[in-house]
C-alpha cells in the first residue's frame, strides 16, 4: 500500500517517513480493501495534527488525532485506523455470510 504523505508547516524528514511506512506495514493484511491512502501531518504551536484518510471499497475510513508528540500521534492514528478496518472487514464478511445463507438451494 502506497501512502501519500503531506507535511504542513514543517519539513518531512527521512526518519519520519521511514517510521510512517514501518508503522503502516501492519495494514498490509487489509491491502485488498484499501484503494488509496493519504496522510496529512500539520504542526501548530507545539501540537501536531495527524489525519489519515483511506479510500476503501464502498466507503472511506478517516482518522484524526491531535497530540504534542508527532510520533505518538502516528501511533494513535495507526491504532484507530486498524480498529476501523477490522470493523469494516467484519461487516463485509457478515454481509457475505448472510447472502450465502439466504441463497436458494
Protein backbone atom coordinates (compact mmCIF):
# COMPACT_ATOMS: atom_id res chain seq x y z
CA UNK A 1 0.00 0.00 0.00
CA UNK A 2 1.38 3.39 -1.02
CA UNK A 3 0.72 6.24 1.41
CA UNK A 4 0.76 9.81 0.11
CA UNK A 5 2.20 11.99 2.88
CA UNK A 6 1.68 15.75 3.10
CA UNK A 7 3.55 17.81 5.71
CA UNK A 8 2.28 21.29 6.57
CA UNK A 9 4.32 23.92 8.44
CA UNK A 10 7.40 21.67 8.74
CA UNK A 11 9.78 19.62 6.61
CA UNK A 12 9.27 15.88 6.44
CA UNK A 13 12.47 14.07 7.39
CA UNK A 14 13.60 10.70 6.04
CA UNK A 15 13.47 9.19 9.54
CA UNK A 16 9.85 10.27 9.99
CA UNK A 17 8.90 8.93 6.57
CA UNK A 18 10.52 5.56 7.34
CA UNK A 19 8.74 5.46 10.71
CA UNK A 20 5.39 6.02 9.00
CA UNK A 21 5.95 3.27 6.43
CA UNK A 22 7.11 0.87 9.18
CA UNK A 23 4.03 1.62 11.29
CA UNK A 24 1.63 1.00 8.43
CA UNK A 25 3.18 -2.33 7.45
CA UNK A 26 0.60 -3.90 9.79
CA UNK A 27 -2.16 -2.69 7.48
CA UNK A 28 -0.85 -4.92 4.66
CA UNK A 29 -3.41 -7.57 5.62
CA UNK A 30 -6.19 -5.14 4.64
CA UNK A 31 -4.48 -4.39 1.33
CA UNK A 32 -7.27 -5.99 -0.73
CA UNK A 33 -9.77 -3.46 0.72
CA UNK A 34 -7.64 -0.30 0.64
CA UNK A 35 -7.60 1.59 -2.66
CA UNK A 36 -5.80 4.80 -1.70
CA UNK A 37 -4.16 6.25 1.43
CA UNK A 38 -3.43 9.90 2.19
CA UNK A 39 -1.83 11.25 5.37
CA UNK A 40 -1.78 14.93 6.29
CA UNK A 41 0.51 16.00 9.12
CA UNK A 42 0.39 19.53 10.48
CA UNK A 43 2.43 21.19 13.18
CA UNK A 44 0.96 24.16 15.05
CA UNK A 45 2.32 25.83 18.21
CA UNK A 46 3.51 22.70 19.98
CA UNK A 47 0.70 20.40 18.83
CA UNK A 48 0.66 18.02 15.93
CA UNK A 49 -2.43 17.15 13.95
CA UNK A 50 -2.27 13.89 12.04
CA UNK A 51 -5.09 12.90 9.71
CA UNK A 52 -5.22 9.67 7.70
CA UNK A 53 -7.83 9.02 5.04
CA UNK A 54 -8.15 5.61 3.42
CA UNK A 55 -10.34 5.03 0.42
CA UNK A 56 -11.74 1.51 0.73
CA UNK A 57 -14.29 -0.39 -1.28
CA UNK A 58 -17.72 1.27 -0.96
CA UNK A 59 -16.63 3.92 1.61
CA UNK A 60 -13.80 5.86 3.26
CA UNK A 61 -12.06 5.44 6.61
CA UNK A 62 -10.81 8.63 8.28
CA UNK A 63 -8.91 9.15 11.50
CA UNK A 64 -7.72 12.44 13.01
CA UNK A 65 -5.54 12.84 16.11
CA UNK A 66 -4.12 15.86 17.98
CA UNK A 67 -1.01 15.13 20.00
CA UNK A 68 2.00 17.21 21.13
CA UNK A 69 4.39 14.43 20.02
CA UNK A 70 4.19 13.61 16.32
CA UNK A 71 5.41 10.02 16.78
CA UNK A 72 2.74 9.28 19.40
CA UNK A 73 0.16 10.82 17.07
CA UNK A 74 1.22 8.47 14.28
CA UNK A 75 0.87 5.53 16.67
CA UNK A 76 -2.63 6.65 17.69
CA UNK A 77 -3.74 7.12 14.07
CA UNK A 78 -2.42 3.67 13.15
CA UNK A 79 -4.31 2.07 16.05
CA UNK A 80 -7.56 3.88 15.24
CA UNK A 81 -7.43 3.02 11.55
CA UNK A 82 -6.59 -0.61 12.26
CA UNK A 83 -9.63 -0.87 14.54
CA UNK A 84 -11.86 0.76 11.92
CA UNK A 85 -10.61 -1.56 9.19
CA UNK A 86 -11.21 -4.62 11.39
CA UNK A 87 -14.78 -3.42 11.95
CA UNK A 88 -15.22 -2.79 8.21
CA UNK A 89 -13.90 -6.26 7.40
CA UNK A 90 -16.26 -7.89 9.92
CA UNK A 91 -19.25 -6.09 8.37
CA UNK A 92 -18.16 -7.12 4.89
CA UNK A 93 -17.80 -10.78 5.97
CA UNK A 94 -21.19 -10.70 7.70
CA UNK A 95 -22.87 -9.42 4.54
CA UNK A 96 -21.28 -12.20 2.50
CA UNK A 97 -22.29 -14.82 5.09
CA UNK A 98 -25.90 -13.62 5.13
CA UNK A 99 -26.05 -13.56 1.34
CA UNK A 100 -24.90 -17.18 1.18
CA UNK A 101 -27.31 -18.19 3.93
CA UNK A 102 -30.35 -16.77 2.12
CA UNK A 103 -29.39 -18.23 -1.26
CA UNK A 104 -31.84 -20.76 -2.64
CA UNK A 105 -30.90 -24.39 -2.90
